[in-house]
Amino acid sequence: MIWKKHGQIFAPQQFGLEYAKSPQAIVFQDFVRVYFSACKKDGQKLVSYVCFADFSKDFTRVLRIEKQIMTDGKLGSFDEHGIFPFSPVCDGGRIFAYTSGWSRRVSVSVDTAIGLAVSEDSGESFQRLGEGPVLTSSLMEPFLVVDGFVRRYENRLHMWYIYGKEWRSYAGSAQPERIYKIGHAVSDNGVDWQKEGKAILPDVLEDECQALPCVINFNGCYHMFFCYRSAYGFRDRRECSYRLGYAWSKHPGDWIRCDEKLNFEQPEDGWDSQMQCYPHVFTMDQKIYLLYNGNAFGKNGFGLAELEEM
């Protein structure tokens, strides 16, 4: 692949926000709306909440910012401590969003599950369909079900998501670290999901964590973009931090991983030199674009690249 990088296009601090994590786009007739998760303090901890920024279709102007388009999760709920990421998908005149809810734990830092919300006002606001999740832990996927990305392919709804396999303690780590993989599920109604029950991509790192899959169908193939990192050392070591990965398939469930085909440069300095993560690929006017976060898990906002050749 050959990419044209447009650089950092959104810095949250310019708009009074802290973080702009996991940018995900919906294309309207005259603008592009990018949903993302910001953070606020809850005591000494951060809580994620959902915002959006409307851009001109050439991404040179921010037309509008809306902060916190969903209410906070209720006490004791699966999303009590925030939503990240927030993955929208159009369905006729409505927009559904698969929300990744976070709740704190005692022995480990968090647990997560995937909820569902709907917008009846063209994505201006979203209401939960219920206080519980539509996809959560199960016998073989015991924790950390999150990052749900849903599209309709071959007359069924497909969800790619991640699930936790293990919490592991490492020498020098102040807390256990999580290891998670990408899974796949199908549904006929968007609420009841049948899991495939296995990791669908091979590892290329020891103790590899895979996150935030997104899938497009283009030129007769399915293309998956995701990010991956080492389970330990990722916060302060460039070689262990998130980078972007790629896989392709002729069918939504069978994948061939080939990260080298992505050919996405990581510079030696700048806003995305230490980390590239949380990719979202979308089409607009017969072109393919990639939104992604850089250093510090989205603290520095997000950038844009355009696919010039595949």
Protein backbone atom coordinates (compact mmCIF):
# COMPACT_ATOMS: atom_id res chain seq x y z
CA MET A 1 0.00 0.00 0.00
CA ILE A 2 1.06 3.59 -0.61
CA TRP A 3 -0.25 6.18 1.87
CA LYS A 4 -0.33 9.95 1.75
CA LYS A 5 -0.13 11.23 5.30
CA HIS A 6 -2.02 14.42 6.07
CA GLY A 7 -0.55 14.61 9.58
CA GLN A 8 -2.24 15.48 12.84
CA ILE A 9 -5.66 17.01 12.10
CA PHE A 10 -7.13 17.32 15.60
CA ALA A 11 -5.46 18.41 18.84
CA PRO A 12 -7.95 18.07 21.73
CA GLN A 13 -6.28 20.69 23.94
CA GLN A 14 -7.25 23.39 21.45
CA PHE A 15 -10.89 22.68 22.28
CA GLY A 16 -10.57 22.30 26.04
CA LEU A 17 -10.48 18.50 25.90
CA GLU A 18 -8.13 15.93 27.37
CA TYR A 19 -7.51 13.08 24.92
CA ALA A 20 -9.30 12.28 21.65
CA LYS A 21 -9.14 8.49 21.50
CA SER A 22 -10.33 6.12 18.79
CA PRO A 23 -11.59 8.46 16.04
CA GLN A 24 -14.40 6.87 13.99
CA ALA A 25 -16.09 8.56 11.05
CA ILE A 26 -19.52 8.82 9.47
CA VAL A 27 -19.66 10.63 6.13
CA PHE A 28 -22.57 13.02 5.59
CA GLN A 29 -23.39 14.90 2.39
CA ASP A 30 -21.48 18.07 3.24
CA PHE A 31 -19.17 17.10 6.10
CA VAL A 32 -17.51 14.25 7.96
CA ARG A 33 -18.40 13.58 11.59
CA VAL A 34 -15.67 11.99 13.69
CA TYR A 35 -16.68 10.46 17.01
CA PHE A 36 -14.02 9.99 19.68
CA SER A 37 -13.57 9.45 23.41
CA ALA A 38 -12.28 12.22 25.66
CA CYS A 39 -11.47 11.94 29.37
CA LYS A 40 -12.39 13.73 32.57
CA LYS A 41 -11.26 13.28 36.16
CA ASP A 42 -13.31 11.22 38.60
CA GLY A 43 -11.32 11.73 41.77
CA GLN A 44 -7.81 10.54 40.89
CA LYS A 45 -9.01 8.37 37.99
CA LEU A 46 -9.98 9.17 34.40
CA VAL A 47 -13.45 8.49 32.97
CA SER A 48 -14.00 8.32 29.20
CA TYR A 49 -16.95 9.99 27.47
CA VAL A 50 -18.05 10.41 23.85
CA CYS A 51 -17.70 13.58 21.75
CA PHE A 52 -17.73 14.40 18.06
CA ALA A 53 -16.06 16.86 15.71
CA ASP A 54 -17.52 17.81 12.34
CA PHE A 55 -14.92 18.40 9.62
CA SER A 56 -15.08 19.84 6.14
CA LYS A 57 -14.73 17.01 3.64
CA ASP A 58 -11.14 18.03 2.87
CA PHE A 59 -10.39 17.87 6.63
CA THR A 60 -8.91 21.36 6.65
CA ARG A 61 -11.54 22.90 8.98
CA VAL A 62 -13.25 21.85 12.18
CA LEU A 63 -16.83 23.04 11.73
CA ARG A 64 -18.28 22.08 15.09
CA ILE A 65 -17.52 20.31 18.37
CA GLU A 66 -20.04 18.56 20.60
CA LYS A 67 -18.97 17.27 23.99
CA GLN A 68 -20.53 14.33 25.84
CA ILE A 69 -23.31 13.12 23.54
CA MET A 70 -24.27 10.26 25.88
CA THR A 71 -24.98 10.26 29.60
CA ASP A 72 -22.54 8.66 32.01
CA GLY A 73 -23.04 5.02 32.91
CA LYS A 74 -25.08 4.25 36.01
CA LEU A 75 -23.66 3.15 39.34
CA GLY A 76 -22.52 -0.46 39.11
CA SER A 77 -23.13 -0.76 35.36
CA PHE A 78 -20.68 -2.23 32.85
CA ASP A 79 -19.92 1.29 31.52
CA GLU A 80 -19.88 3.12 34.85
CA HIS A 81 -16.36 4.44 34.28
CA GLY A 82 -16.62 5.38 30.65
CA ILE A 83 -17.03 4.49 27.00
CA PHE A 84 -14.02 3.87 24.77
CA PRO A 85 -14.19 3.18 21.91
CA PHE A 86 -17.50 4.22 20.36
CA SER A 87 -18.19 2.57 16.99
CA PRO A 88 -21.10 3.96 14.89
CA VAL A 89 -22.81 2.25 11.98
CA CYS A 90 -25.67 3.60 9.83
CA ASP A 91 -28.87 1.56 9.57
CA GLY A 92 -31.48 3.20 7.37
CA GLY A 93 -32.49 6.49 9.00
CA ARG A 94 -30.90 5.61 12.33
CA ILE A 95 -27.34 5.34 13.58
CA PHE A 96 -26.43 2.51 15.93
CA ALA A 97 -23.32 2.65 18.09
CA TYR A 98 -21.52 -0.27 19.67
CA THR A 99 -20.12 1.14 22.88
CA SER A 100 -17.19 -0.25 24.82
CA GLY A 101 -17.99 0.17 28.50
CA TRP A 102 -15.34 0.22 31.22
CA SER A 103 -15.74 -0.53 34.92
CA ARG A 104 -12.98 -0.63 37.52
CA ARG A 105 -11.97 -3.74 39.42
CA VAL A 106 -10.00 -4.34 42.61
CA SER A 107 -7.50 -7.13 41.85
CA VAL A 108 -6.95 -5.88 38.27
CA SER A 109 -7.52 -2.45 36.80
CA VAL A 110 -10.70 -2.88 34.71
CA ASP A 111 -13.22 -5.12 33.03
CA THR A 112 -15.11 -4.27 29.83
CA ALA A 113 -18.12 -5.26 27.73
CA ILE A 114 -19.88 -4.07 24.57
CA GLY A 115 -23.18 -2.18 24.71
CA LEU A 116 -25.57 -0.77 22.11
CA ALA A 117 -26.99 2.72 21.71
CA VAL A 118 -29.11 4.33 19.00
CA SER A 119 -29.50 7.83 17.56
CA GLU A 120 -32.77 9.03 16.06
CA ASP A 121 -31.43 12.55 15.35
CA SER A 122 -28.73 11.92 12.72
CA GLY A 123 -26.03 11.18 15.27
CA GLU A 124 -26.45 14.28 17.41
CA SER A 125 -27.13 12.21 20.54
CA PHE A 126 -27.39 8.54 21.49
CA GLN A 127 -29.51 6.64 23.98
CA ARG A 128 -28.70 3.21 25.39
CA LEU A 129 -31.07 0.44 24.38
CA GLY A 130 -30.56 -0.96 27.86
CA GLU A 131 -28.26 -0.69 30.84
CA GLY A 132 -26.54 -4.02 30.11
CA PRO A 133 -24.18 -5.22 27.36
CA VAL A 134 -24.98 -7.11 24.15
CA LEU A 135 -21.61 -8.89 24.14
CA THR A 136 -19.66 -9.77 27.26
CA SER A 137 -17.48 -12.42 28.83
CA SER A 138 -18.26 -16.12 28.37
CA LEU A 139 -16.82 -19.55 29.08
CA MET A 140 -13.87 -19.28 26.68
CA GLU A 141 -13.62 -15.47 26.64
CA PRO A 142 -13.52 -14.77 30.37
CA PHE A 143 -13.00 -10.99 30.51
CA LEU A 144 -12.22 -7.78 28.61
CA VAL A 145 -14.70 -8.07 25.74
CA VAL A 146 -14.42 -4.68 24.01
CA ASP A 147 -13.67 -2.81 20.73
CA GLY A 148 -16.75 -4.01 18.84
CA PHE A 149 -16.80 -3.01 15.14
CA VAL A 150 -19.96 -4.01 13.23
CA ARG A 151 -20.78 -4.05 9.53
CA ARG A 152 -23.30 -5.91 7.36
CA TYR A 153 -21.59 -8.24 4.88
CA GLU A 154 -23.04 -11.20 2.97
CA ASN A 155 -26.53 -10.60 4.40
CA ARG A 156 -25.42 -10.90 8.03
CA LEU A 157 -24.10 -8.57 10.67
CA HIS A 158 -20.48 -9.24 11.55
CA MET A 159 -18.70 -8.00 14.65
CA TRP A 160 -14.97 -7.98 15.13
CA TYR A 161 -13.95 -7.33 18.72
CA ILE A 162 -11.29 -8.20 21.26
CA TYR A 163 -11.41 -10.45 24.30
CA GLY A 164 -9.05 -11.04 27.19
CA LYS A 165 -7.14 -14.30 27.49
CA GLU A 166 -5.03 -13.64 30.56
CA TRP A 167 -3.96 -11.18 33.23
CA ARG A 168 -0.23 -11.63 33.78
CA SER A 169 2.24 -10.16 36.28
CA TYR A 170 5.64 -9.06 34.99
CA ALA A 171 8.75 -8.21 37.00
CA GLY A 172 8.91 -4.44 37.47
CA SER A 173 5.22 -3.88 36.69
CA ALA A 174 3.14 -2.16 39.36
CA GLN A 175 0.00 -4.04 38.33
CA PRO A 176 -1.02 -7.09 36.28
CA GLU A 177 -1.06 -6.52 32.52
CA ARG A 178 -3.74 -7.84 30.16
CA ILE A 179 -3.34 -9.96 27.04
CA TYR A 180 -6.15 -9.82 24.47
CA LYS A 181 -6.91 -11.10 20.97
CA ILE A 182 -9.29 -10.32 18.10
CA GLY A 183 -12.44 -12.44 17.79
CA HIS A 184 -15.43 -12.59 15.45
CA ALA A 185 -19.20 -12.97 15.94
CA VAL A 186 -22.29 -12.90 13.70
CA SER A 187 -25.87 -11.76 14.24
CA ASP A 188 -29.16 -11.38 12.41
CA ASN A 189 -30.56 -8.57 14.58
CA GLY A 190 -27.55 -6.74 16.03
CA VAL A 191 -28.42 -7.70 19.61
CA ASP A 192 -28.02 -11.49 19.81
CA TRP A 193 -24.53 -12.56 18.78
CA GLN A 194 -22.96 -15.93 18.03
CA LYS A 195 -19.24 -15.95 18.76
CA GLU A 196 -16.76 -17.87 16.65
CA GLY A 197 -14.93 -18.65 19.89
CA LYS A 198 -11.30 -18.31 18.85
CA ALA A 199 -8.58 -15.82 18.02
CA ILE A 200 -8.75 -15.15 14.29
CA LEU A 201 -5.25 -13.70 13.79
CA PRO A 202 -1.85 -15.27 14.54
CA ASP A 203 0.64 -13.46 16.79
CA VAL A 204 3.87 -11.93 15.58
CA LEU A 205 5.09 -10.89 19.06
CA GLU A 206 5.58 -12.81 22.27
CA ASP A 207 2.67 -11.99 24.63
CA GLU A 208 1.00 -9.95 21.88
CA CYS A 209 -2.06 -7.77 22.48
CA GLN A 210 -4.30 -7.03 19.47
CA ALA A 211 -6.83 -4.20 19.50
CA LEU A 212 -9.45 -2.16 17.64
CA PRO A 213 -10.13 -4.12 14.43
CA CYS A 214 -11.97 -2.41 11.57
CA VAL A 215 -12.92 -4.03 8.27
CA ILE A 216 -13.77 -2.69 4.81
CA ASN A 217 -14.74 -4.51 1.62
CA PHE A 218 -12.83 -3.19 -1.37
CA ASN A 219 -11.89 -4.61 -4.78
CA GLY A 220 -13.44 -7.98 -4.00
CA CYS A 221 -11.56 -8.53 -0.72
CA TYR A 222 -12.05 -7.84 2.96
CA HIS A 223 -9.32 -5.75 4.54
CA MET A 224 -8.77 -5.59 8.30
CA PHE A 225 -6.80 -2.86 10.02
CA PHE A 226 -5.94 -3.11 13.71
CA CYS A 227 -3.19 -2.28 16.18
CA TYR A 228 -1.00 -4.48 18.33
CA ARG A 229 1.64 -4.18 21.04
CA SER A 230 3.64 -6.10 23.60
CA ALA A 231 1.84 -6.88 26.84
CA TYR A 232 4.59 -5.25 28.92
CA GLY A 233 6.82 -2.19 28.37
CA PHE A 234 4.39 -0.52 25.97
CA ARG A 235 3.97 2.66 28.02
CA ASP A 236 7.56 3.83 27.78
CA ARG A 237 9.40 1.76 25.16
CA ARG A 238 8.84 2.54 21.49
CA GLU A 239 9.62 -1.00 20.34
CA CYS A 240 6.88 -2.38 22.64
CA SER A 241 4.22 0.24 21.91
CA TYR A 242 1.23 0.05 19.61
CA ARG A 243 1.76 -0.13 15.87
CA LEU A 244 -0.66 -0.78 13.02
CA GLY A 245 -1.34 -4.21 11.56
CA TYR A 246 -3.16 -5.57 8.52
CA ALA A 247 -4.88 -8.75 7.33
CA TRP A 248 -6.99 -9.67 4.31
CA SER A 249 -9.61 -12.28 3.46
CA LYS A 250 -11.97 -13.47 0.76
CA HIS A 251 -14.56 -14.18 3.49
CA PRO A 252 -15.41 -12.25 6.68
CA GLY A 253 -14.12 -15.01 8.98
CA ASP A 254 -10.88 -16.36 7.46
CA TRP A 255 -7.89 -14.03 7.63
CA ILE A 256 -4.32 -13.92 6.34
CA ARG A 257 -2.13 -11.60 8.36
CA CYS A 258 0.52 -9.64 6.47
CA ASP A 259 1.46 -6.46 8.33
CA GLU A 260 4.26 -5.74 5.88
CA LYS A 261 1.69 -5.00 3.15
CA LEU A 262 0.39 -2.05 5.14
CA ASN A 263 3.62 -0.09 4.59
CA PHE A 264 2.63 2.63 7.08
CA GLU A 265 5.67 4.66 8.09
CA GLN A 266 6.44 5.44 11.74
CA PRO A 267 8.60 8.59 11.86
CA GLU A 268 11.58 9.13 14.13
CA ASP A 269 10.05 12.18 15.79
CA GLY A 270 6.72 13.96 15.98
CA TRP A 271 3.23 13.36 17.28
CA ASP A 272 3.06 9.69 16.14
CA SER A 273 6.71 8.68 16.46
CA GLN A 274 6.37 6.64 19.67
CA MET A 275 3.01 5.00 19.01
CA GLN A 276 0.42 4.50 16.26
CA CYS A 277 -2.86 3.03 17.43
CA TYR A 278 -6.68 2.81 17.24
CA PRO A 279 -7.09 2.84 13.44
CA HIS A 280 -10.36 3.51 11.65
CA VAL A 281 -10.54 3.03 7.88
CA PHE A 282 -13.47 4.38 5.86
CA THR A 283 -14.40 5.25 2.29
CA MET A 284 -15.48 8.65 1.00
CA ASP A 285 -16.00 9.68 -2.62
CA GLN A 286 -14.40 6.43 -3.82
CA LYS A 287 -11.26 7.02 -1.76
CA ILE A 288 -10.02 5.20 1.35
CA TYR A 289 -8.96 7.14 4.44
CA LEU A 290 -7.34 6.12 7.71
CA LEU A 291 -7.86 7.91 11.02
CA TYR A 292 -5.57 6.94 13.87
CA ASN A 293 -4.10 8.06 17.19
CA GLY A 294 -0.46 8.74 17.89
CA ASN A 295 1.65 9.05 21.01
CA ALA A 296 0.22 8.61 24.52
CA PHE A 297 -2.92 6.70 23.48
CA GLY A 298 -4.66 9.72 21.94
CA LYS A 299 -3.57 12.45 24.33
CA ASN A 300 -2.15 14.27 21.29
CA GLY A 301 -5.29 13.78 19.21
CA PHE A 302 -5.59 12.03 15.87
CA GLY A 303 -4.27 12.17 12.36
CA LEU A 304 -5.34 11.25 8.83
CA ALA A 305 -3.84 9.33 5.94
CA GLU A 306 -5.20 8.70 2.43
CA LEU A 307 -4.61 5.49 0.50
CA GLU A 308 -3.11 6.32 -2.89
CA GLU A 309 -2.44 2.79 -4.12
CA MET A 310 -3.30 -0.75 -2.98
